[in-house]
N, C-alpha and C. Protein backbone atom coordinates (compact mmCIF):
# COMPACT_ATOMS: atom_id res chain seq x y z
N MET A 1 0.98 -1.03 -0.02
CA MET A 1 0.09 -0.07 -0.01
C MET A 1 0.86 1.15 0.10
N LEU A 2 0.66 2.11 -0.92
CA LEU A 2 1.51 3.33 -0.95
C LEU A 2 0.81 4.27 0.02
N PHE A 3 1.54 5.12 0.49
CA PHE A 3 1.18 6.20 1.54
C PHE A 3 1.34 7.46 0.77
N ASP A 4 0.30 8.41 1.08
CA ASP A 4 0.48 9.97 0.41
C ASP A 4 1.51 10.54 1.29
N GLU A 5 2.74 10.76 0.80
CA GLU A 5 3.93 11.33 1.59
C GLU A 5 4.06 12.71 1.01
N ASP A 6 4.45 13.68 1.92
CA ASP A 6 4.86 14.94 1.70
C ASP A 6 6.34 15.28 1.72
N ALA A 7 7.04 15.12 0.53
CA ALA A 7 8.42 15.29 0.43
C ALA A 7 9.00 16.35 1.09
N SER A 8 8.41 17.51 0.82
CA SER A 8 8.61 18.89 1.43
C SER A 8 9.07 18.60 2.98
N VAL A 9 8.43 17.93 3.80
CA VAL A 9 8.55 17.86 4.97
C VAL A 9 10.07 17.33 5.28
N PHE A 10 10.37 16.18 4.50
CA PHE A 10 11.66 15.52 4.66
C PHE A 10 12.78 16.35 4.32
N LEU A 11 12.55 17.35 3.34
CA LEU A 11 13.71 18.19 2.79
C LEU A 11 13.69 19.42 3.56
N ALA A 12 12.80 19.85 4.38
CA ALA A 12 12.87 21.13 4.93
C ALA A 12 13.89 21.48 5.99
N ASP A 13 14.14 20.39 6.77
CA ASP A 13 15.15 20.82 8.07
C ASP A 13 16.60 20.98 7.29
N PHE A 14 17.02 20.05 6.41
CA PHE A 14 18.31 20.13 5.96
C PHE A 14 18.64 20.67 4.32
N GLY A 15 17.47 21.03 3.93
CA GLY A 15 17.64 21.27 2.44
C GLY A 15 18.33 22.81 2.31
N VAL A 16 18.52 22.73 0.90
CA VAL A 16 19.17 23.94 0.50
C VAL A 16 18.53 24.23 -0.86
N SER A 17 18.71 25.44 -1.48
CA SER A 17 18.09 25.77 -2.74
C SER A 17 18.65 25.10 -3.87
N VAL A 18 17.70 24.53 -4.73
CA VAL A 18 18.24 23.99 -6.02
C VAL A 18 17.40 24.48 -7.12
N THR A 19 18.33 25.18 -8.17
CA THR A 19 17.62 25.80 -9.29
C THR A 19 17.86 25.20 -10.56
N ASP A 20 17.04 25.01 -11.60
CA ASP A 20 17.25 24.51 -12.98
C ASP A 20 16.45 25.49 -13.92
N GLY A 21 17.04 26.47 -14.33
CA GLY A 21 16.08 27.39 -15.27
C GLY A 21 15.17 28.04 -14.33
N THR A 22 13.95 27.80 -14.66
CA THR A 22 12.77 28.66 -13.93
C THR A 22 12.24 27.90 -12.66
N THR A 23 12.75 26.52 -12.58
CA THR A 23 12.31 25.80 -11.49
C THR A 23 13.29 25.94 -10.27
N THR A 24 12.62 26.29 -8.98
CA THR A 24 13.58 26.45 -7.76
C THR A 24 12.79 25.49 -6.80
N SER A 25 13.53 24.72 -5.90
CA SER A 25 12.99 23.86 -4.96
C SER A 25 14.04 23.81 -4.10
N THR A 26 13.92 22.54 -3.24
CA THR A 26 14.84 22.30 -1.98
C THR A 26 15.38 20.89 -2.30
N GLY A 27 16.73 20.54 -1.91
CA GLY A 27 17.06 19.45 -1.90
C GLY A 27 18.11 19.39 -1.00
N ILE A 28 18.88 18.03 -0.48
CA ILE A 28 19.77 17.73 0.30
C ILE A 28 20.97 17.32 -0.23
N LEU A 29 22.04 18.33 0.06
CA LEU A 29 23.42 18.06 -0.77
C LEU A 29 24.23 17.42 0.27
N ASP A 30 24.85 16.23 0.02
CA ASP A 30 25.65 15.40 0.60
C ASP A 30 27.05 15.42 0.08
N ILE A 31 28.10 15.69 0.67
CA ILE A 31 29.41 15.66 0.31
C ILE A 31 30.27 14.72 0.71
N PRO A 32 30.24 13.46 0.38
CA PRO A 32 31.11 12.41 1.23
C PRO A 32 32.44 12.27 0.62
N GLY A 33 33.43 12.18 1.09
CA GLY A 33 34.76 12.15 0.60
C GLY A 33 35.28 10.58 0.63
N GLU A 34 35.95 10.33 -0.37
CA GLU A 34 36.34 8.91 -0.45
C GLU A 34 38.04 8.94 -0.95
N ILE A 35 38.76 8.00 -0.30
CA ILE A 35 40.11 7.90 -0.94
C ILE A 35 40.27 6.49 -1.37
N TYR A 36 40.77 6.43 -2.60
CA TYR A 36 41.08 5.24 -3.26
C TYR A 36 42.61 5.02 -3.31
N THR A 37 42.94 3.80 -2.58
CA THR A 37 44.15 3.32 -2.88
C THR A 37 44.43 2.33 -3.98
N THR A 38 45.30 2.46 -4.77
CA THR A 38 45.78 1.46 -6.01
C THR A 38 47.08 0.86 -5.80
N ARG A 39 47.32 -0.32 -6.33
CA ARG A 39 48.47 -0.85 -6.22
C ARG A 39 48.82 -1.54 -7.78
N GLU A 40 49.59 -1.39 -8.47
CA GLU A 40 49.93 -1.85 -9.59
C GLU A 40 51.03 -2.93 -9.63
N PHE A 41 50.70 -3.95 -10.26
CA PHE A 41 51.77 -5.05 -10.30
C PHE A 41 52.23 -5.19 -11.63
N GLY A 42 53.46 -5.79 -11.88
CA GLY A 42 54.04 -5.88 -13.20
C GLY A 42 55.56 -5.72 -13.09
N ASP A 43 56.05 -5.08 -13.86
CA ASP A 43 57.58 -4.65 -13.67
C ASP A 43 57.79 -3.73 -12.66
N HIS A 44 56.89 -3.17 -12.05
CA HIS A 44 57.18 -2.51 -10.79
C HIS A 44 55.88 -2.34 -10.12
N THR A 45 56.11 -2.02 -8.78
CA THR A 45 54.97 -1.94 -7.88
C THR A 45 54.67 -0.52 -7.27
N SER A 46 53.72 -0.01 -7.25
CA SER A 46 53.45 1.47 -6.88
C SER A 46 52.29 1.45 -6.02
N ASP A 47 52.35 2.37 -4.91
CA ASP A 47 51.20 2.71 -4.30
C ASP A 47 50.84 4.21 -4.50
N PHE A 48 49.70 4.49 -4.36
CA PHE A 48 49.36 5.82 -4.50
C PHE A 48 47.82 6.05 -3.97
N GLN A 49 47.45 7.20 -3.45
CA GLN A 49 46.18 7.57 -3.05
C GLN A 49 45.65 8.58 -3.84
N VAL A 50 44.20 8.44 -4.33
CA VAL A 50 43.57 9.57 -4.96
C VAL A 50 42.16 10.01 -4.29
N SER A 51 42.24 11.06 -3.98
CA SER A 51 41.04 11.71 -3.13
C SER A 51 40.21 12.04 -4.17
N SER A 52 38.73 11.87 -3.72
CA SER A 52 37.82 12.21 -4.73
C SER A 52 36.61 12.76 -3.72
N THR A 53 35.96 13.72 -4.32
CA THR A 53 34.75 14.26 -3.51
C THR A 53 33.42 13.85 -4.58
N ASP A 54 32.57 13.22 -3.90
CA ASP A 54 31.44 12.95 -4.79
C ASP A 54 30.28 13.74 -4.22
N TYR A 55 29.54 14.67 -4.93
CA TYR A 55 28.48 15.42 -4.48
C TYR A 55 27.04 14.42 -4.83
N VAL A 56 26.19 14.25 -3.85
CA VAL A 56 25.04 13.67 -4.10
C VAL A 56 23.82 14.47 -3.60
N LEU A 57 23.02 14.65 -4.45
CA LEU A 57 21.85 15.50 -4.07
C LEU A 57 20.35 14.77 -4.09
N THR A 58 19.88 14.86 -2.99
CA THR A 58 18.35 14.38 -2.89
C THR A 58 17.33 15.22 -3.19
N VAL A 59 16.62 15.04 -4.09
CA VAL A 59 15.55 15.79 -4.52
C VAL A 59 14.27 15.23 -4.75
N LYS A 60 13.19 15.93 -4.92
CA LYS A 60 11.78 15.38 -5.04
C LYS A 60 11.91 15.20 -6.62
N THR A 61 11.43 13.87 -6.99
CA THR A 61 11.32 13.38 -8.12
C THR A 61 10.54 14.21 -9.20
N SER A 62 9.31 14.77 -8.47
CA SER A 62 8.53 15.68 -9.51
C SER A 62 9.02 17.12 -9.89
N ASP A 63 10.26 17.46 -9.23
CA ASP A 63 10.95 18.42 -9.32
C ASP A 63 12.08 18.42 -10.42
N PHE A 64 13.08 17.41 -10.17
CA PHE A 64 14.17 17.23 -10.99
C PHE A 64 14.41 15.86 -11.35
N GLY A 65 13.41 14.98 -11.41
CA GLY A 65 13.75 13.70 -11.56
C GLY A 65 14.18 13.41 -13.12
N THR A 66 14.09 14.14 -13.97
CA THR A 66 14.47 13.93 -15.45
C THR A 66 15.77 14.51 -15.65
N LYS A 67 16.52 14.82 -14.93
CA LYS A 67 18.03 15.30 -15.04
C LYS A 67 18.82 14.10 -15.55
N LYS A 68 19.72 14.61 -16.63
CA LYS A 68 20.44 13.49 -17.20
C LYS A 68 21.79 13.90 -17.36
N TYR A 69 22.85 13.02 -17.71
CA TYR A 69 24.15 13.44 -17.87
C TYR A 69 24.52 14.75 -18.52
N ASN A 70 25.37 15.37 -17.92
CA ASN A 70 25.79 16.64 -18.26
C ASN A 70 24.74 17.97 -18.17
N ASP A 71 23.55 17.72 -17.80
CA ASP A 71 22.76 18.72 -17.38
C ASP A 71 23.27 19.51 -16.32
N THR A 72 22.73 20.68 -16.00
CA THR A 72 23.30 21.76 -15.15
C THR A 72 22.33 21.90 -14.10
N LEU A 73 22.64 22.08 -12.73
CA LEU A 73 21.82 22.50 -11.57
C LEU A 73 22.58 23.52 -10.76
N THR A 74 21.95 24.36 -10.11
CA THR A 74 22.61 25.24 -9.26
C THR A 74 22.03 25.07 -7.85
N VAL A 75 23.11 24.67 -7.02
CA VAL A 75 22.61 24.07 -5.74
C VAL A 75 23.42 24.95 -4.68
N ASP A 76 22.53 25.59 -3.88
CA ASP A 76 23.13 26.60 -2.87
C ASP A 76 23.99 27.62 -3.53
N ASN A 77 23.82 28.18 -4.70
CA ASN A 77 24.33 29.18 -5.37
C ASN A 77 25.80 28.69 -5.86
N VAL A 78 25.91 27.34 -6.25
CA VAL A 78 27.09 26.69 -6.69
C VAL A 78 26.68 26.00 -7.99
N ASN A 79 27.30 26.10 -9.13
CA ASN A 79 26.92 25.37 -10.34
C ASN A 79 27.51 23.89 -10.35
N TYR A 80 26.72 22.98 -10.75
CA TYR A 80 27.05 21.65 -10.88
C TYR A 80 26.67 21.00 -12.05
N LYS A 81 27.41 19.97 -12.73
CA LYS A 81 26.74 19.34 -13.78
C LYS A 81 26.55 17.83 -13.18
N VAL A 82 25.35 17.29 -13.74
CA VAL A 82 24.74 16.09 -13.36
C VAL A 82 25.68 14.79 -13.86
N ARG A 83 25.97 13.87 -13.01
CA ARG A 83 26.64 12.82 -13.49
C ARG A 83 25.83 11.61 -13.73
N ASN A 84 24.71 11.44 -12.91
CA ASN A 84 23.93 10.34 -12.84
C ASN A 84 22.71 10.52 -11.99
N SER A 85 21.68 9.97 -12.32
CA SER A 85 20.45 10.00 -11.46
C SER A 85 19.64 8.74 -11.20
N LEU A 86 19.23 8.57 -9.96
CA LEU A 86 18.65 7.32 -9.59
C LEU A 86 17.30 7.46 -8.73
N THR A 87 16.22 7.06 -9.19
CA THR A 87 14.92 7.10 -8.37
C THR A 87 14.79 6.24 -7.34
N ILE A 88 14.50 6.61 -6.17
CA ILE A 88 14.60 5.92 -4.96
C ILE A 88 13.25 6.08 -4.17
N ASP A 89 13.03 5.30 -3.08
CA ASP A 89 11.78 5.35 -2.30
C ASP A 89 10.55 5.57 -3.02
N SER A 90 10.14 4.49 -3.61
CA SER A 90 8.90 4.21 -4.40
C SER A 90 8.74 5.52 -5.54
N GLY A 91 10.09 6.11 -5.84
CA GLY A 91 9.80 7.00 -6.87
C GLY A 91 9.67 8.45 -6.40
N LEU A 92 9.33 8.65 -5.05
CA LEU A 92 9.11 9.95 -4.49
C LEU A 92 10.46 10.85 -4.58
N PHE A 93 11.47 10.32 -4.41
CA PHE A 93 12.84 10.98 -4.41
C PHE A 93 13.77 10.43 -5.61
N THR A 94 14.84 11.40 -5.91
CA THR A 94 15.59 10.98 -6.87
C THR A 94 17.01 11.41 -6.37
N LEU A 95 17.90 10.60 -6.36
CA LEU A 95 19.43 10.92 -6.06
C LEU A 95 20.24 11.29 -7.21
N ILE A 96 20.93 12.38 -7.21
CA ILE A 96 21.39 12.79 -8.30
C ILE A 96 23.10 13.07 -8.04
N THR A 97 24.06 12.37 -8.63
CA THR A 97 25.21 12.70 -8.39
C THR A 97 25.73 13.79 -9.31
N LEU A 98 26.74 14.53 -8.78
CA LEU A 98 27.06 15.78 -9.31
C LEU A 98 28.62 15.92 -9.28
N SER A 99 28.96 16.97 -10.22
CA SER A 99 30.41 17.20 -10.23
C SER A 99 30.43 18.72 -10.38
N LYS A 100 31.32 19.59 -9.82
CA LYS A 100 31.28 20.98 -9.90
C LYS A 100 31.61 21.27 -11.26
N SER A 101 30.99 22.36 -11.69
CA SER A 101 31.38 23.07 -13.29
C SER A 101 32.52 23.57 -13.32
């Protein structure tokens, strides 16, 4: 059974402004950092670390669910490009991975 959910309530406490053209709404921006360690084998062995920051934006699907690769969004007054999007939670929300423009 599906419930009539109000996504705005979920986004209200931690949300920031998200704008795409004339559409402005609220989303939650997460900035988890990751470190990747790689070891290559062969003629030589080398260890190195690469730091990467992945930006993940949670938005209402009805507002920004159609975003695709290389589209742009302004989140909290910073410009980003869309890397990928994934609908979650019975379609109410979409997770959008971003990179800074």
